[in-house]
Amino acid sequence: MANINIQDVVTGKVRLSYVHLFTPYASQQGGEPKYSTTILVPKTDIATKQRIDAAINTAIQEGVASRWNGVRPPVIAIPVYDGDGVRPSDGMPFGEECKGHWVFTASSKQAPEIVDLTMQRILNATEIYSGIYARVSVRFFPYASNGKKGIGCGLGPVQKIEDGEPLGGRISAATAFGDNVGQSPMTAQASAYAQPSQYPGQPVYNTQMSGYGQNSISPQQQSYQTPQPAYGQPMQQANPQNQVAIDPITGAPVNGGVMGI
């Protein structure tokens, strides 16, 4: 189906990362939450890249005509990046999943429609995660904000094509529990999360546990702690009324008498 506007692009098969399609997300503290996803376009998909380039060029022309006072800015922020290069935010290389791809992020204030291959709405959020393969409808548009002029990318409908290896640390149930078949839940949990008691060359720390986790006491707090009896020993009372005064001269209890006698 042909695009109504050349600035609208329906991608080929792409991979999604940083998926926030069911709940809006603010990428910066204090920013406006939006529905968004990062789109990874394989460099082998030349047709999709050509449509993206044409949409960006058209958006630039629109910006000159209606947003940038008839002047083409010497520097225009373009939202599509080379996944084999470095991230514009910090100059660090893109993640391994971005290698061999063109990378850009699309966002929207409105929740996008999400469908499967039969065009049925997907309502289960667990089916949409970072790592799936999909087709995405996006729109490139010009903007001028806070002295910066560039091209933005709006997010439209998303069609899930197939599952993929999850990104961002998500693991399957088989990976989490496959080695613990037949064990009790407590035993499986202990084996899954057990830590070695001592690393070679490292001292052993005796950690005292309280009812809600480790009891960490600062030096200031220690000065206010009452010594506790050993396990199984009776608690000594600290009531001053029950204490017996000792004569420092004779060493005998005073018992109401006079010290030194």
Protein backbone atom coordinates (compact mmCIF):
# COMPACT_ATOMS: atom_id res chain seq x y z
CA MET A 1 0.00 0.00 0.00
CA ALA A 2 1.44 3.37 -1.02
CA ASN A 3 2.15 6.01 1.60
CA ILE A 4 -0.22 8.96 1.65
CA ASN A 5 2.71 11.23 2.48
CA ILE A 6 6.31 10.61 1.51
CA GLN A 7 7.29 11.54 5.06
CA ASP A 8 5.42 8.42 6.24
CA VAL A 9 7.48 5.22 6.12
CA VAL A 10 6.45 1.63 6.77
CA THR A 11 9.62 -0.33 7.45
CA GLY A 12 10.51 -3.80 6.37
CA LYS A 13 11.41 -6.38 9.01
CA VAL A 14 13.20 -4.55 11.82
CA ARG A 15 14.21 -5.37 15.36
CA LEU A 16 12.92 -3.38 18.33
CA SER A 17 14.95 -2.30 21.34
CA TYR A 18 14.19 -0.10 24.37
CA VAL A 19 10.51 -0.94 23.94
CA HIS A 20 8.00 1.28 25.76
CA LEU A 21 4.82 0.64 23.76
CA PHE A 22 2.33 -0.12 26.54
CA THR A 23 3.49 2.39 29.14
CA PRO A 24 4.86 5.87 28.37
CA TYR A 25 8.43 6.52 29.44
CA ALA A 26 10.48 9.67 30.04
CA SER A 27 14.05 9.27 28.79
CA GLN A 28 15.19 12.21 30.92
CA GLN A 29 14.23 13.15 34.46
CA GLY A 30 11.46 15.69 34.34
CA GLY A 31 10.80 15.01 30.66
CA GLU A 32 7.42 14.27 29.16
CA PRO A 33 6.64 10.53 29.17
CA LYS A 34 6.04 9.12 25.69
CA TYR A 35 5.43 5.78 24.03
CA SER A 36 8.60 4.89 22.20
CA THR A 37 10.91 2.25 20.79
CA THR A 38 14.33 2.15 19.17
CA ILE A 39 14.21 0.65 15.68
CA LEU A 40 17.09 -1.36 14.18
CA VAL A 41 16.96 -1.47 10.37
CA PRO A 42 19.32 -4.03 8.79
CA LYS A 43 21.75 -2.38 6.38
CA THR A 44 20.83 -5.11 3.92
CA ASP A 45 17.31 -3.62 3.72
CA ILE A 46 18.24 -1.00 1.16
CA ALA A 47 14.62 -0.30 0.16
CA THR A 48 13.61 0.75 3.70
CA LYS A 49 16.72 2.95 4.04
CA GLN A 50 15.92 4.66 0.74
CA ARG A 51 12.37 5.42 1.92
CA ILE A 52 13.75 6.81 5.18
CA ASP A 53 16.23 9.06 3.35
CA ALA A 54 13.50 10.34 1.03
CA ALA A 55 11.21 11.04 4.00
CA ILE A 56 13.96 12.96 5.82
CA ASN A 57 14.76 15.05 2.74
CA THR A 58 11.07 15.91 2.33
CA ALA A 59 10.84 16.81 6.02
CA ILE A 60 13.82 19.15 5.61
CA GLN A 61 12.09 20.90 2.73
CA GLU A 62 8.97 21.28 4.86
CA GLY A 63 11.10 22.69 7.68
CA VAL A 64 12.61 25.36 5.43
CA ALA A 65 9.18 26.32 4.11
CA SER A 66 7.19 26.35 7.34
CA ARG A 67 9.37 25.95 10.45
CA TRP A 68 12.78 27.53 9.84
CA ASN A 69 11.81 30.91 8.35
CA GLY A 70 12.78 29.96 4.81
CA VAL A 71 16.41 29.21 5.74
CA ARG A 72 18.04 25.80 5.70
CA PRO A 73 20.10 25.46 8.90
CA PRO A 74 23.82 24.77 8.40
CA VAL A 75 23.52 21.91 10.90
CA ILE A 76 20.37 19.76 10.99
CA ALA A 77 19.92 17.11 13.64
CA ILE A 78 19.11 13.84 11.84
CA PRO A 79 17.63 11.04 14.00
CA VAL A 80 19.11 8.06 12.11
CA TYR A 81 22.52 6.77 13.23
CA ASP A 82 25.02 4.16 12.08
CA GLY A 83 24.91 1.22 14.48
CA ASP A 84 28.53 0.43 13.64
CA GLY A 85 29.55 3.87 14.90
CA VAL A 86 29.18 5.60 18.26
CA ARG A 87 26.20 6.93 20.18
CA PRO A 88 25.68 10.69 19.88
CA SER A 89 24.81 10.97 23.57
CA ASP A 90 28.14 9.86 25.03
CA GLY A 91 30.44 8.87 22.15
CA MET A 92 30.44 5.21 23.23
CA PRO A 93 29.93 2.40 20.69
CA PHE A 94 26.39 1.16 20.13
CA GLY A 95 25.47 -2.21 21.61
CA GLU A 96 26.24 -5.43 19.76
CA GLU A 97 22.61 -5.76 18.65
CA CYS A 98 23.05 -2.51 16.65
CA LYS A 99 25.97 -3.74 14.57
CA GLY A 100 25.08 -3.94 10.91
CA HIS A 101 21.96 -1.77 11.40
CA TRP A 102 20.69 1.77 11.03
CA VAL A 103 19.39 2.94 14.41
CA PHE A 104 16.70 5.49 15.26
CA THR A 105 14.04 6.08 17.91
CA ALA A 106 10.38 6.84 17.25
CA SER A 107 7.99 8.20 19.88
CA SER A 108 4.43 9.41 20.35
CA LYS A 109 2.25 10.96 23.03
CA GLN A 110 -0.55 8.57 22.04
CA ALA A 111 -0.41 4.82 22.58
CA PRO A 112 0.34 3.08 19.27
CA GLU A 113 -1.85 0.33 17.88
CA ILE A 114 -0.06 -3.01 18.13
CA VAL A 115 -1.16 -5.98 16.00
CA ASP A 116 0.03 -9.45 15.02
CA LEU A 117 0.40 -10.98 11.56
CA THR A 118 -3.38 -11.52 11.33
CA MET A 119 -4.01 -7.84 12.20
CA GLN A 120 -5.43 -8.80 15.62
CA ARG A 121 -4.73 -6.38 18.45
CA ILE A 122 -2.05 -7.50 20.89
CA LEU A 123 -3.19 -6.66 24.41
CA ASN A 124 -0.74 -8.79 26.41
CA ALA A 125 2.25 -6.59 27.18
CA THR A 126 4.52 -9.62 27.75
CA GLU A 127 4.35 -10.37 24.01
CA ILE A 128 6.04 -7.07 23.18
CA TYR A 129 9.58 -6.79 24.49
CA SER A 130 13.02 -5.60 23.44
CA GLY A 131 14.31 -8.07 20.87
CA ILE A 132 11.16 -8.90 18.86
CA TYR A 133 10.96 -8.42 15.09
CA ALA A 134 8.29 -6.16 13.67
CA ARG A 135 7.20 -3.71 10.99
CA VAL A 136 6.69 -0.14 12.14
CA SER A 137 4.94 2.86 10.64
CA VAL A 138 6.82 6.09 11.36
CA ARG A 139 6.65 9.71 10.24
CA PHE A 140 9.61 12.09 9.90
CA PHE A 141 8.88 15.77 10.60
CA PRO A 142 10.83 19.03 11.11
CA TYR A 143 11.09 20.75 14.48
CA ALA A 144 12.61 23.84 16.07
CA SER A 145 13.03 23.68 19.82
CA ASN A 146 15.31 25.49 22.27
CA GLY A 147 17.45 26.82 19.46
CA LYS A 148 17.90 23.39 17.93
CA LYS A 149 16.56 22.55 14.48
CA GLY A 150 16.26 19.06 13.17
CA ILE A 151 14.12 16.13 12.11
CA GLY A 152 12.06 14.13 14.55
CA CYS A 153 10.46 10.71 14.17
CA GLY A 154 6.86 10.03 15.17
CA LEU A 155 5.68 6.54 16.11
CA GLY A 156 2.66 4.95 14.43
CA PRO A 157 1.21 1.41 14.41
CA VAL A 158 3.44 -1.59 15.14
CA GLN A 159 3.00 -5.08 13.68
CA LYS A 160 4.82 -7.90 15.45
CA ILE A 161 6.30 -10.37 12.97
CA GLU A 162 8.10 -12.87 15.19
CA ASP A 163 9.79 -13.38 18.53
CA GLY A 164 13.50 -12.82 18.95
CA GLU A 165 16.23 -13.22 21.52
CA PRO A 166 15.30 -10.83 24.34
CA LEU A 167 17.54 -7.82 24.86
CA GLY A 168 18.31 -6.11 28.14
CA GLY A 169 18.74 -9.13 30.44
CA ARG A 170 15.32 -10.77 29.95
CA ILE A 171 15.64 -14.56 30.24
CA SER A 172 13.30 -17.47 29.55
CA ALA A 173 11.82 -19.80 32.16
CA ALA A 174 13.91 -22.68 30.75
CA THR A 175 17.09 -20.68 31.33
CA ALA A 176 16.06 -19.71 34.86
CA PHE A 177 14.75 -23.07 36.07
CA GLY A 178 15.96 -25.73 33.63
CA ASP A 179 18.86 -26.89 35.83
CA ASN A 180 16.68 -27.23 38.92
CA VAL A 181 14.10 -29.78 37.77
CA GLY A 182 12.90 -31.92 40.69
CA GLN A 183 14.25 -29.61 43.39
CA SER A 184 12.06 -27.95 45.98
CA PRO A 185 11.43 -24.22 45.41
CA MET A 186 13.66 -23.29 48.38
CA THR A 187 16.49 -25.56 47.23
CA ALA A 188 16.24 -24.26 43.66
CA GLN A 189 16.27 -20.69 44.88
CA ALA A 190 19.31 -21.34 47.05
CA SER A 191 21.23 -22.98 44.21
CA ALA A 192 20.29 -20.24 41.76
CA TYR A 193 21.35 -17.35 43.96
CA ALA A 194 24.02 -18.86 46.24
CA GLN A 195 27.21 -16.85 46.51
CA PRO A 196 30.62 -18.38 47.28
CA SER A 197 31.43 -17.96 50.97
CA GLN A 198 34.91 -16.68 50.27
CA TYR A 199 36.82 -15.52 47.23
CA PRO A 200 40.51 -16.51 47.01
CA GLY A 201 42.68 -13.98 48.77
CA GLN A 202 39.73 -12.13 50.31
CA PRO A 203 38.99 -11.93 54.08
CA VAL A 204 35.89 -13.53 55.52
CA TYR A 205 33.36 -11.15 57.05
CA ASN A 206 31.07 -12.32 59.83
CA THR A 207 27.69 -10.79 58.97
CA GLN A 208 24.99 -10.59 61.62
CA MET A 209 21.50 -11.06 60.19
CA SER A 210 18.33 -9.41 61.43
CA GLY A 211 14.72 -10.23 60.63
CA TYR A 212 14.65 -8.03 57.48
CA GLY A 213 18.13 -8.54 56.03
CA GLN A 214 21.64 -7.69 57.07
CA ASN A 215 22.07 -5.62 60.22
CA SER A 216 24.45 -2.85 59.22
CA ILE A 217 25.46 -0.62 62.16
CA SER A 218 27.47 2.57 61.84
CA PRO A 219 30.14 3.50 64.45
CA GLN A 220 27.79 6.19 65.77
CA GLN A 221 25.02 3.63 66.22
CA GLN A 222 27.36 1.13 67.92
CA SER A 223 27.89 3.51 70.82
CA TYR A 224 24.18 3.27 71.57
CA GLN A 225 23.90 -0.51 71.31
CA THR A 226 23.21 -2.59 74.44
CA PRO A 227 25.43 -5.72 74.56
CA GLN A 228 23.37 -8.83 73.88
CA PRO A 229 23.84 -12.12 75.79
CA ALA A 230 25.17 -15.19 74.04
CA TYR A 231 22.57 -17.53 72.57
CA GLY A 232 20.92 -19.53 75.40
CA GLN A 233 22.12 -17.27 78.21
CA PRO A 234 19.66 -15.29 80.37
CA MET A 235 19.26 -11.62 79.71
CA GLN A 236 20.88 -9.47 82.40
CA GLN A 237 18.64 -6.74 83.70
CA ALA A 238 19.96 -3.22 83.43
CA ASN A 239 17.56 -1.76 86.02
CA PRO A 240 19.59 0.48 88.30
CA GLN A 241 17.23 -0.32 91.21
CA ASN A 242 18.30 -3.98 91.23
CA GLN A 243 22.05 -3.30 91.18
CA VAL A 244 24.07 -3.81 94.43
CA ALA A 245 26.62 -1.15 95.33
CA ILE A 246 30.16 -2.48 96.08
CA ASP A 247 32.38 -0.85 98.63
CA PRO A 248 35.55 0.12 96.71
CA ILE A 249 37.64 -0.22 99.92
CA THR A 250 36.48 -3.56 101.36
CA GLY A 251 35.05 -5.09 98.22
CA ALA A 252 31.92 -6.16 100.12
CA PRO A 253 28.32 -5.20 99.25
CA VAL A 254 27.27 -1.98 100.91
CA ASN A 255 23.70 -3.22 101.55
CA GLY A 256 22.56 0.12 102.78
CA GLY A 257 25.60 0.68 105.09
CA VAL A 258 28.37 3.19 104.92
CA MET A 259 31.28 2.78 102.52
CA GLY A 260 34.60 1.85 104.21
CA ILE A 261 32.94 0.03 107.12
